[in-house]
Amino acid sequence: MTGLRVGEILGLTWEDINFAQATVSVRQTVWRGRIQTAKTLGSEDVLPLPTPLAAILEEQRKVWKANPYGLVFVGRVGKPLTAENIVRDHLGPLLVALKIPHGGFHAFRHAHSSLLISGGASVKVAQEQLRHADPRMTIGRYAHVIGDARRQAVERLAAELVDPNGLHESGNDTMIQ
């Protein structure tokens, strides 16, 4: 629901989540079980935290077991998780059970950005949410979605211009002169 990279999700601490302002701060990442700085300076940012996700995290916080890192997501012994283990032990079997083609965590980031753009968000908004340094990166990765969004946009505009009263959509083919 945020478009974060898997390492950024695994690097989240409870201090990074501001429930009052409904934001999440990206300040660090976890790679191969080790806490590191964010991918780039541009990756460090404060992003909106959707209300449904805030509610889920609020519930998780109630059962949270303290760990020396203050991380939101940790393994059984309180150490940082590794994306590879999560995919192998949890995500992979779940996808098999649901008969969904295998995809890694980046598929969630890709889906998030595709849904943002197809839902009407501008490329600039998607770029900022994903924290791509250059809008060309966003456009290059999600051009297929932008093409679909363009088609839908021109069809909506044409419907408003040619049939502003929606007569053809309701099945009434009578044109008002």
Protein backbone atom coordinates (compact mmCIF):
# COMPACT_ATOMS: atom_id res chain seq x y z
CA MET A 1 0.00 0.00 0.00
CA THR A 2 3.03 2.28 0.06
CA GLY A 3 5.25 1.18 -2.81
CA LEU A 4 8.20 0.68 -0.46
CA ARG A 5 11.06 -1.57 -1.47
CA VAL A 6 11.24 -4.81 0.53
CA GLY A 7 14.42 -3.71 2.30
CA GLU A 8 12.74 -0.47 3.32
CA ILE A 9 9.79 -2.39 4.75
CA LEU A 10 12.10 -4.68 6.68
CA GLY A 11 14.04 -1.65 7.94
CA LEU A 12 11.01 0.12 9.40
CA THR A 13 11.04 0.90 13.09
CA TRP A 14 8.04 1.91 15.17
CA GLU A 15 9.60 5.37 15.38
CA ASP A 16 9.27 5.61 11.60
CA ILE A 17 5.48 5.30 11.79
CA ASN A 18 3.57 8.41 12.79
CA PHE A 19 0.01 7.30 13.44
CA ALA A 20 -1.18 10.82 14.31
CA GLN A 21 -0.07 12.25 10.96
CA ALA A 22 -0.59 9.00 9.03
CA THR A 23 2.93 8.96 7.62
CA VAL A 24 5.84 6.56 7.37
CA SER A 25 9.46 7.71 7.26
CA VAL A 26 11.96 5.80 5.18
CA ARG A 27 15.34 6.11 6.87
CA GLN A 28 17.05 2.74 6.57
CA THR A 29 16.89 -0.59 4.84
CA VAL A 30 17.64 -4.21 5.64
CA TRP A 31 19.65 -6.21 3.15
CA ARG A 32 20.58 -9.83 3.83
CA GLY A 33 19.66 -9.42 7.47
CA ARG A 34 21.79 -6.32 8.03
CA ILE A 35 20.52 -2.81 8.71
CA GLN A 36 21.93 -0.26 6.27
CA THR A 37 21.32 3.29 5.15
CA ALA A 38 18.59 3.89 2.59
CA LYS A 39 19.35 3.03 -1.04
CA THR A 40 19.99 6.68 -1.92
CA LEU A 41 19.52 10.04 -0.23
CA GLY A 42 16.44 10.45 -2.45
CA SER A 43 15.05 7.22 -1.02
CA GLU A 44 14.85 8.79 2.43
CA ASP A 45 11.45 10.43 2.60
CA VAL A 46 8.21 10.73 4.51
CA LEU A 47 5.31 9.05 2.71
CA PRO A 48 1.57 8.94 3.34
CA LEU A 49 0.40 5.94 5.32
CA PRO A 50 -3.00 4.72 4.06
CA THR A 51 -5.67 4.40 6.74
CA PRO A 52 -6.23 0.61 6.28
CA LEU A 53 -2.50 -0.05 6.61
CA ALA A 54 -2.26 2.21 9.66
CA ALA A 55 -5.03 0.16 11.30
CA ILE A 56 -3.23 -3.12 10.55
CA LEU A 57 0.04 -1.76 11.94
CA GLU A 58 -1.72 -0.41 15.02
CA GLU A 59 -3.01 -3.92 15.75
CA GLN A 60 0.44 -5.40 15.12
CA ARG A 61 1.95 -2.91 17.51
CA LYS A 62 -0.28 -4.22 20.33
CA VAL A 63 1.32 -7.67 20.06
CA TRP A 64 4.78 -6.37 19.23
CA LYS A 65 7.64 -7.92 21.09
CA ALA A 66 10.47 -5.51 21.76
CA ASN A 67 13.66 -6.19 19.88
CA PRO A 68 17.04 -4.51 20.16
CA TYR A 69 16.60 -2.81 16.79
CA GLY A 70 13.09 -1.45 17.35
CA LEU A 71 12.08 -2.99 14.02
CA VAL A 72 8.46 -3.53 13.06
CA PHE A 73 9.22 -6.85 11.36
CA VAL A 74 11.70 -9.28 12.90
CA GLY A 75 12.42 -12.98 12.91
CA ARG A 76 11.66 -15.37 15.74
CA VAL A 77 14.77 -14.43 17.69
CA GLY A 78 14.28 -10.68 17.23
CA LYS A 79 16.81 -10.18 14.44
CA PRO A 80 16.17 -8.46 11.10
CA LEU A 81 14.45 -10.61 8.49
CA THR A 82 15.83 -11.38 5.05
CA ALA A 83 13.67 -10.95 1.97
CA GLU A 84 14.96 -14.19 0.47
CA ASN A 85 13.79 -16.23 3.46
CA ILE A 86 10.38 -14.57 3.48
CA VAL A 87 9.88 -15.33 -0.21
CA ARG A 88 11.08 -18.92 0.18
CA ASP A 89 9.28 -19.76 3.42
CA HIS A 90 6.09 -17.71 3.22
CA LEU A 91 5.34 -15.85 -0.01
CA GLY A 92 6.31 -18.69 -2.36
CA PRO A 93 4.12 -21.33 -0.69
CA LEU A 94 1.24 -18.88 -0.46
CA LEU A 95 1.44 -18.12 -4.19
CA VAL A 96 1.54 -21.84 -4.98
CA ALA A 97 -1.50 -22.49 -2.77
CA LEU A 98 -3.41 -19.64 -4.45
CA LYS A 99 -2.25 -20.75 -7.93
CA ILE A 100 -0.73 -17.34 -8.60
CA PRO A 101 2.43 -17.17 -10.74
CA HIS A 102 5.56 -16.77 -8.67
CA GLY A 103 6.68 -13.23 -8.06
CA GLY A 104 9.04 -11.68 -5.61
CA PHE A 105 8.46 -8.72 -3.36
CA HIS A 106 9.20 -6.25 -6.14
CA ALA A 107 5.94 -7.36 -7.77
CA PHE A 108 4.10 -5.56 -4.96
CA ARG A 109 6.01 -2.33 -5.68
CA HIS A 110 5.29 -2.71 -9.38
CA ALA A 111 1.60 -3.39 -8.72
CA HIS A 112 1.37 -0.39 -6.41
CA SER A 113 2.79 1.97 -9.01
CA SER A 114 0.72 0.47 -11.82
CA LEU A 115 -2.45 0.88 -9.76
CA LEU A 116 -1.50 4.44 -8.85
CA ILE A 117 -1.10 5.41 -12.49
CA SER A 118 -4.09 3.47 -13.79
CA GLY A 119 -6.14 4.97 -10.95
CA GLY A 120 -5.45 8.45 -12.28
CA ALA A 121 -2.35 9.56 -10.38
CA SER A 122 0.04 11.58 -12.46
CA VAL A 123 3.45 10.25 -13.36
CA LYS A 124 4.88 12.93 -11.06
CA VAL A 125 2.88 11.61 -8.10
CA ALA A 126 3.96 8.04 -8.89
CA GLN A 127 7.58 9.17 -9.22
CA GLU A 128 7.45 10.89 -5.84
CA GLN A 129 5.76 7.93 -4.14
CA LEU A 130 8.30 5.49 -5.56
CA ARG A 131 11.10 8.01 -4.94
CA HIS A 132 12.59 7.62 -8.37
CA ALA A 133 15.22 10.33 -8.90
CA ASP A 134 14.15 10.87 -12.50
CA PRO A 135 10.59 10.77 -13.93
CA ARG A 136 12.01 8.98 -16.98
CA MET A 137 12.61 5.96 -14.73
CA THR A 138 8.93 5.90 -13.77
CA ILE A 139 7.77 6.44 -17.34
CA GLY A 140 10.15 3.79 -18.68
CA ARG A 141 9.05 1.17 -16.19
CA TYR A 142 5.32 1.85 -16.36
CA ALA A 143 4.79 3.02 -19.95
CA HIS A 144 2.38 0.15 -20.61
CA VAL A 145 0.13 1.37 -17.79
CA ILE A 146 0.41 4.96 -18.94
CA GLY A 147 -0.69 3.84 -22.42
CA ASP A 148 -3.78 2.16 -20.95
CA ALA A 149 -4.52 5.22 -18.82
CA ARG A 150 -4.23 7.43 -21.91
CA ARG A 151 -6.74 5.26 -23.76
CA GLN A 152 -9.19 5.40 -20.85
CA ALA A 153 -8.74 9.16 -20.51
CA VAL A 154 -9.49 9.90 -24.16
CA GLU A 155 -12.46 7.54 -24.12
CA ARG A 156 -13.90 9.31 -21.05
CA LEU A 157 -13.34 12.69 -22.67
CA ALA A 158 -14.95 11.56 -25.93
CA ALA A 159 -17.95 10.20 -24.05
CA GLU A 160 -18.40 13.55 -22.31
CA LEU A 161 -18.06 15.52 -25.55
CA VAL A 162 -20.10 13.31 -27.85
CA ASP A 163 -22.65 11.94 -25.40
CA PRO A 164 -22.65 14.27 -22.37
CA ASN A 165 -26.05 13.04 -21.12
CA GLY A 166 -24.97 9.39 -21.20
CA LEU A 167 -27.83 8.39 -23.50
CA HIS A 168 -25.82 5.71 -25.28
CA GLU A 169 -24.60 4.12 -22.05
CA SER A 170 -28.12 3.66 -20.73
CA GLY A 171 -29.20 1.85 -23.87
CA ASN A 172 -31.32 4.74 -25.14
CA ASP A 173 -30.12 5.41 -28.68
CA THR A 174 -32.31 8.46 -29.16
CA MET A 175 -30.21 11.53 -29.74
CA ILE A 176 -31.44 14.84 -28.33
CA GLN A 177 -31.11 17.59 -30.92
